[in-house]
Amino acid sequence: MKPNTTNLQAYRKGVSNLASGVAQCKEQSLLYGKCINENYYQVSKGLCSKEFELFKNCVQTKLKKKW
């Protein structure tokens, strides 16, 4: 079966856009990564939720999209 090139192009564009948004939120991504790193052995759901929300909101703002 041949892959659908239209879907593949849309997927690649989406990944590229997401990478661009993430690259524009370095400070927030570093804070989130630092929180995860400091709590690596006792990580649990919601542990770094404040930092994650800051990072997520930054990416959404840069991409002008919500999810």
PDB file of N, CA and C in Angstrom:
ATOM      1  N   MET A   1       0.843  -1.180   0.000  1.00  0.00           N
ATOM      2  CA  MET A   1       0.000   0.000   0.000  1.00  0.00           C
ATOM      3  C   MET A   1       0.888   1.242   0.000  1.00  0.00           C
ATOM      4  N   LYS A   2       0.581   2.149  -0.858  1.00  0.00           N
ATOM      5  CA  LYS A   2       1.340   3.390  -0.982  1.00  0.00           C
ATOM      6  C   LYS A   2       0.900   4.396   0.087  1.00  0.00           C
ATOM      7  N   PRO A   3       1.836   5.059   0.764  1.00  0.00           N
ATOM      8  CA  PRO A   3       1.440   6.068   1.760  1.00  0.00           C
ATOM      9  C   PRO A   3       0.793   7.274   1.086  1.00  0.00           C
ATOM     10  N   ASN A   4      -0.139   7.865   1.774  1.00  0.00           N
ATOM     11  CA  ASN A   4      -0.823   9.056   1.277  1.00  0.00           C
ATOM     12  C   ASN A   4       0.114  10.251   1.453  1.00  0.00           C
ATOM     13  N   THR A   5       0.603  10.797   0.348  1.00  0.00           N
ATOM     14  CA  THR A   5       1.586  11.886   0.432  1.00  0.00           C
ATOM     15  C   THR A   5       0.993  13.162   0.995  1.00  0.00           C
ATOM     16  N   THR A   6      -0.301  13.389   0.786  1.00  0.00           N
ATOM     17  CA  THR A   6      -0.937  14.590   1.341  1.00  0.00           C
ATOM     18  C   THR A   6      -0.928  14.538   2.860  1.00  0.00           C
ATOM     19  N   ASN A   7      -1.284  13.384   3.423  1.00  0.00           N
ATOM     20  CA  ASN A   7      -1.267  13.232   4.877  1.00  0.00           C
ATOM     21  C   ASN A   7       0.150  13.328   5.423  1.00  0.00           C
ATOM     22  N   LEU A   8       1.093  12.758   4.713  1.00  0.00           N
ATOM     23  CA  LEU A   8       2.486  12.810   5.148  1.00  0.00           C
ATOM     24  C   LEU A   8       3.004  14.246   5.148  1.00  0.00           C
ATOM     25  N   GLN A   9       2.663  15.005   4.138  1.00  0.00           N
ATOM     26  CA  GLN A   9       3.088  16.407   4.070  1.00  0.00           C
ATOM     27  C   GLN A   9       2.457  17.213   5.200  1.00  0.00           C
ATOM     28  N   ALA A  10       1.183  16.974   5.474  1.00  0.00           N
ATOM     29  CA  ALA A  10       0.507  17.678   6.568  1.00  0.00           C
ATOM     30  C   ALA A  10       1.138  17.308   7.906  1.00  0.00           C
ATOM     31  N   TYR A  11       1.465  16.036   8.081  1.00  0.00           N
ATOM     32  CA  TYR A  11       2.107  15.574   9.311  1.00  0.00           C
ATOM     33  C   TYR A  11       3.461  16.257   9.496  1.00  0.00           C
ATOM     34  N   ARG A  12       4.255  16.271   8.442  1.00  0.00           N
ATOM     35  CA  ARG A  12       5.578  16.898   8.523  1.00  0.00           C
ATOM     36  C   ARG A  12       5.469  18.384   8.828  1.00  0.00           C
ATOM     37  N   LYS A  13       4.497  19.051   8.222  1.00  0.00           N
ATOM     38  CA  LYS A  13       4.303  20.478   8.485  1.00  0.00           C
ATOM     39  C   LYS A  13       3.916  20.696   9.944  1.00  0.00           C
ATOM     40  N   GLY A  14       3.036  19.838  10.463  1.00  0.00           N
ATOM     41  CA  GLY A  14       2.628  19.943  11.862  1.00  0.00           C
ATOM     42  C   GLY A  14       3.792  19.754  12.815  1.00  0.00           C
ATOM     43  N   VAL A  15       4.620  18.759  12.537  1.00  0.00           N
ATOM     44  CA  VAL A  15       5.794  18.500  13.378  1.00  0.00           C
ATOM     45  C   VAL A  15       6.761  19.677  13.306  1.00  0.00           C
ATOM     46  N   SER A  16       6.952  20.206  12.112  1.00  0.00           N
ATOM     47  CA  SER A  16       7.845  21.355  11.930  1.00  0.00           C
ATOM     48  C   SER A  16       7.325  22.575  12.685  1.00  0.00           C
ATOM     49  N   ASN A  17       6.021  22.816  12.609  1.00  0.00           N
ATOM     50  CA  ASN A  17       5.420  23.942  13.331  1.00  0.00           C
ATOM     51  C   ASN A  17       5.577  23.769  14.837  1.00  0.00           C
ATOM     52  N   LEU A  18       5.337  22.555  15.331  1.00  0.00           N
ATOM     53  CA  LEU A  18       5.476  22.292  16.759  1.00  0.00           C
ATOM     54  C   LEU A  18       6.919  22.518  17.207  1.00  0.00           C
ATOM     55  N   ALA A  19       7.865  22.035  16.434  1.00  0.00           N
ATOM     56  CA  ALA A  19       9.283  22.229  16.766  1.00  0.00           C
ATOM     57  C   ALA A  19       9.630  23.711  16.821  1.00  0.00           C
ATOM     58  N   SER A  20       9.070  24.482  15.911  1.00  0.00           N
ATOM     59  CA  SER A  20       9.308  25.923  15.898  1.00  0.00           C
ATOM     60  C   SER A  20       8.748  26.574  17.161  1.00  0.00           C
ATOM     61  N   GLY A  21       7.551  26.178  17.564  1.00  0.00           N
ATOM     62  CA  GLY A  21       6.946  26.717  18.782  1.00  0.00           C
ATOM     63  C   GLY A  21       7.747  26.365  20.018  1.00  0.00           C
ATOM     64  N   VAL A  22       8.195  25.119  20.089  1.00  0.00           N
ATOM     65  CA  VAL A  22       8.999  24.672  21.232  1.00  0.00           C
ATOM     66  C   VAL A  22      10.311  25.451  21.290  1.00  0.00           C
ATOM     67  N   ALA A  23      10.930  25.674  20.143  1.00  0.00           N
ATOM     68  CA  ALA A  23      12.206  26.395  20.092  1.00  0.00           C
ATOM     69  C   ALA A  23      12.075  27.828  20.590  1.00  0.00           C
ATOM     70  N   GLN A  24      10.890  28.395  20.500  1.00  0.00           N
ATOM     71  CA  GLN A  24      10.668  29.770  20.946  1.00  0.00           C
ATOM     72  C   GLN A  24      10.355  29.861  22.438  1.00  0.00           C
ATOM     73  N   CYS A  25      10.290  28.724  23.113  1.00  0.00           N
ATOM     74  CA  CYS A  25       9.931  28.702  24.541  1.00  0.00           C
ATOM     75  C   CYS A  25      11.042  28.061  25.368  1.00  0.00           C
ATOM     76  N   LYS A  26      12.262  28.469  25.120  1.00  0.00           N
ATOM     77  CA  LYS A  26      13.423  27.857  25.772  1.00  0.00           C
ATOM     78  C   LYS A  26      13.387  27.996  27.289  1.00  0.00           C
ATOM     79  N   GLU A  27      13.064  29.182  27.766  1.00  0.00           N
ATOM     80  CA  GLU A  27      13.064  29.412  29.216  1.00  0.00           C
ATOM     81  C   GLU A  27      12.065  28.492  29.915  1.00  0.00           C
ATOM     82  N   GLN A  28      10.858  28.413  29.370  1.00  0.00           N
ATOM     83  CA  GLN A  28       9.822  27.579  29.968  1.00  0.00           C
ATOM     84  C   GLN A  28      10.169  26.093  29.871  1.00  0.00           C
ATOM     85  N   SER A  29      10.763  25.691  28.750  1.00  0.00           N
ATOM     86  CA  SER A  29      11.129  24.278  28.603  1.00  0.00           C
ATOM     87  C   SER A  29      12.252  23.911  29.572  1.00  0.00           C
ATOM     88  N   LEU A  30      13.176  24.835  29.798  1.00  0.00           N
ATOM     89  CA  LEU A  30      14.253  24.582  30.760  1.00  0.00           C
ATOM     90  C   LEU A  30      13.716  24.450  32.181  1.00  0.00           C
ATOM     91  N   LEU A  31      12.751  25.285  32.552  1.00  0.00           N
ATOM     92  CA  LEU A  31      12.148  25.189  33.888  1.00  0.00           C
ATOM     93  C   LEU A  31      11.437  23.851  34.076  1.00  0.00           C
ATOM     94  N   TYR A  32      10.691  23.434  33.065  1.00  0.00           N
ATOM     95  CA  TYR A  32       9.987  22.152  33.131  1.00  0.00           C
ATOM     96  C   TYR A  32      10.990  20.993  33.197  1.00  0.00           C
ATOM     97  N   GLY A  33      11.995  21.035  32.345  1.00  0.00           N
ATOM     98  CA  GLY A  33      13.018  19.991  32.349  1.00  0.00           C
ATOM     99  C   GLY A  33      13.768  19.922  33.667  1.00  0.00           C
ATOM    100  N   LYS A  34      14.051  21.076  34.252  1.00  0.00           N
ATOM    101  CA  LYS A  34      14.747  21.124  35.540  1.00  0.00           C
ATOM    102  C   LYS A  34      13.893  20.478  36.627  1.00  0.00           C
ATOM    103  N   CYS A  35      12.602  20.772  36.623  1.00  0.00           N
ATOM    104  CA  CYS A  35      11.696  20.184  37.616  1.00  0.00           C
ATOM    105  C   CYS A  35      11.664  18.661  37.479  1.00  0.00           C
ATOM    106  N   ILE A  36      11.536  18.177  36.252  1.00  0.00           N
ATOM    107  CA  ILE A  36      11.518  16.728  36.022  1.00  0.00           C
ATOM    108  C   ILE A  36      12.848  16.113  36.451  1.00  0.00           C
ATOM    109  N   ASN A  37      13.947  16.753  36.098  1.00  0.00           N
ATOM    110  CA  ASN A  37      15.272  16.232  36.444  1.00  0.00           C
ATOM    111  C   ASN A  37      15.480  16.168  37.955  1.00  0.00           C
ATOM    112  N   GLU A  38      15.058  17.199  38.662  1.00  0.00           N
ATOM    113  CA  GLU A  38      15.242  17.238  40.119  1.00  0.00           C
ATOM    114  C   GLU A  38      14.397  16.188  40.832  1.00  0.00           C
ATOM    115  N   ASN A  39      13.309  15.781  40.217  1.00  0.00           N
ATOM    116  CA  ASN A  39      12.387  14.828  40.839  1.00  0.00           C
ATOM    117  C   ASN A  39      12.334  13.510  40.075  1.00  0.00           C
ATOM    118  N   TYR A  40      13.404  13.209  39.366  1.00  0.00           N
ATOM    119  CA  TYR A  40      13.431  12.067  38.452  1.00  0.00           C
ATOM    120  C   TYR A  40      13.016  10.754  39.120  1.00  0.00           C
ATOM    121  N   TYR A  41      13.523  10.488  40.308  1.00  0.00           N
ATOM    122  CA  TYR A  41      13.263   9.200  40.953  1.00  0.00           C
ATOM    123  C   TYR A  41      11.924   9.143  41.678  1.00  0.00           C
ATOM    124  N   GLN A  42      11.317  10.267  41.941  1.00  0.00           N
ATOM    125  CA  GLN A  42      10.009  10.257  42.592  1.00  0.00           C
ATOM    126  C   GLN A  42       8.958  10.983  41.753  1.00  0.00           C
ATOM    127  N   VAL A  43       9.152  10.987  40.446  1.00  0.00           N
ATOM    128  CA  VAL A  43       8.217  11.679  39.562  1.00  0.00           C
ATOM    129  C   VAL A  43       6.832  11.029  39.648  1.00  0.00           C
ATOM    130  N   SER A  44       5.819  11.864  39.655  1.00  0.00           N
ATOM    131  CA  SER A  44       4.439  11.382  39.678  1.00  0.00           C
ATOM    132  C   SER A  44       3.571  12.373  38.912  1.00  0.00           C
ATOM    133  N   LYS A  45       2.394  11.917  38.575  1.00  0.00           N
ATOM    134  CA  LYS A  45       1.486  12.756  37.796  1.00  0.00           C
ATOM    135  C   LYS A  45       1.224  14.072  38.530  1.00  0.00           C
ATOM    136  N   GLY A  46       1.365  15.166  37.808  1.00  0.00           N
ATOM    137  CA  GLY A  46       1.074  16.481  38.368  1.00  0.00           C
ATOM    138  C   GLY A  46       2.223  17.113  39.132  1.00  0.00           C
ATOM    139  N   LEU A  47       3.334  16.397  39.285  1.00  0.00           N
ATOM    140  CA  LEU A  47       4.454  16.907  40.079  1.00  0.00           C
ATOM    141  C   LEU A  47       4.984  18.236  39.547  1.00  0.00           C
ATOM    142  N   CYS A  48       5.126  18.352  38.251  1.00  0.00           N
ATOM    143  CA  CYS A  48       5.656  19.576  37.633  1.00  0.00           C
ATOM    144  C   CYS A  48       4.581  20.255  36.788  1.00  0.00           C
ATOM    145  N   SER A  49       3.351  20.171  37.238  1.00  0.00           N
ATOM    146  CA  SER A  49       2.232  20.684  36.436  1.00  0.00           C
ATOM    147  C   SER A  49       2.306  22.199  36.228  1.00  0.00           C
ATOM    148  N   LYS A  50       2.782  22.929  37.219  1.00  0.00           N
ATOM    149  CA  LYS A  50       2.898  24.384  37.075  1.00  0.00           C
ATOM    150  C   LYS A  50       3.877  24.725  35.951  1.00  0.00           C
ATOM    151  N   GLU A  51       5.027  24.066  35.977  1.00  0.00           N
ATOM    152  CA  GLU A  51       6.045  24.304  34.954  1.00  0.00           C
ATOM    153  C   GLU A  51       5.567  23.845  33.575  1.00  0.00           C
ATOM    154  N   PHE A  52       4.868  22.700  33.551  1.00  0.00           N
ATOM    155  CA  PHE A  52       4.354  22.199  32.278  1.00  0.00           C
ATOM    156  C   PHE A  52       3.328  23.160  31.687  1.00  0.00           C
ATOM    157  N   GLU A  53       2.436  23.681  32.514  1.00  0.00           N
ATOM    158  CA  GLU A  53       1.413  24.621  32.029  1.00  0.00           C
ATOM    159  C   GLU A  53       2.047  25.879  31.450  1.00  0.00           C
ATOM    160  N   LEU A  54       3.088  26.384  32.098  1.00  0.00           N
ATOM    161  CA  LEU A  54       3.799  27.554  31.562  1.00  0.00           C
ATOM    162  C   LEU A  54       4.391  27.244  30.189  1.00  0.00           C
ATOM    163  N   PHE A  55       5.005  26.071  30.070  1.00  0.00           N
ATOM    164  CA  PHE A  55       5.597  25.647  28.805  1.00  0.00           C
ATOM    165  C   PHE A  55       4.516  25.458  27.741  1.00  0.00           C
ATOM    166  N   LYS A  56       3.462  24.744  28.086  1.00  0.00           N
ATOM    167  CA  LYS A  56       2.365  24.488  27.143  1.00  0.00           C
ATOM    168  C   LYS A  56       1.723  25.788  26.679  1.00  0.00           C
ATOM    169  N   ASN A  57       1.461  26.691  27.607  1.00  0.00           N
ATOM    170  CA  ASN A  57       0.844  27.974  27.244  1.00  0.00           C
ATOM    171  C   ASN A  57       1.742  28.788  26.328  1.00  0.00           C
ATOM    172  N   CYS A  58       3.035  28.748  26.563  1.00  0.00           N
ATOM    173  CA  CYS A  58       3.979  29.457  25.702  1.00  0.00           C
ATOM    174  C   CYS A  58       3.925  28.893  24.285  1.00  0.00           C
ATOM    175  N   VAL A  59       3.992  27.570  24.157  1.00  0.00           N
ATOM    176  CA  VAL A  59       3.962  26.942  22.830  1.00  0.00           C
ATOM    177  C   VAL A  59       2.645  27.262  22.129  1.00  0.00           C
ATOM    178  N   GLN A  60       1.534  27.172  22.853  1.00  0.00           N
ATOM    179  CA  GLN A  60       0.233  27.476  22.255  1.00  0.00           C
ATOM    180  C   GLN A  60       0.167  28.923  21.789  1.00  0.00           C
ATOM    181  N   THR A  61       0.724  29.827  22.563  1.00  0.00           N
ATOM    182  CA  THR A  61       0.739  31.239  22.179  1.00  0.00           C
ATOM    183  C   THR A  61       1.564  31.442  20.915  1.00  0.00           C
ATOM    184  N   LYS A  62       2.721  30.809  20.857  1.00  0.00           N
ATOM    185  CA  LYS A  62       3.588  30.954  19.679  1.00  0.00           C
ATOM    186  C   LYS A  62       2.941  30.363  18.432  1.00  0.00           C
ATOM    187  N   LEU A  63       2.226  29.243  18.593  1.00  0.00           N
ATOM    188  CA  LEU A  63       1.589  28.584  17.449  1.00  0.00           C
ATOM    189  C   LEU A  63       0.203  29.144  17.145  1.00  0.00           C
ATOM    190  N   LYS A  64      -0.308  29.957  18.080  1.00  0.00           N
ATOM    191  CA  LYS A  64      -1.660  30.507  17.955  1.00  0.00           C
ATOM    192  C   LYS A  64      -2.696  29.394  17.813  1.00  0.00           C
ATOM    193  N   LYS A  65      -2.505  28.335  18.627  1.00  0.00           N
ATOM    194  CA  LYS A  65      -3.415  27.187  18.643  1.00  0.00           C
ATOM    195  C   LYS A  65      -3.595  26.727  20.077  1.00  0.00           C
ATOM    196  N   LYS A  66      -4.749  26.156  20.340  1.00  0.00           N
ATOM    197  CA  LYS A  66      -5.034  25.561  21.649  1.00  0.00           C
ATOM    198  C   LYS A  66      -5.321  24.084  21.453  1.00  0.00           C
ATOM    199  N   TRP A  67      -4.912  23.278  22.421  1.00  0.00           N
ATOM    200  CA  TRP A  67      -5.268  21.868  22.414  1.00  0.00           C
ATOM    201  C   TRP A  67      -5.440  21.378  23.813  1.00  0.00           C
TER     202      TRP A  67
END
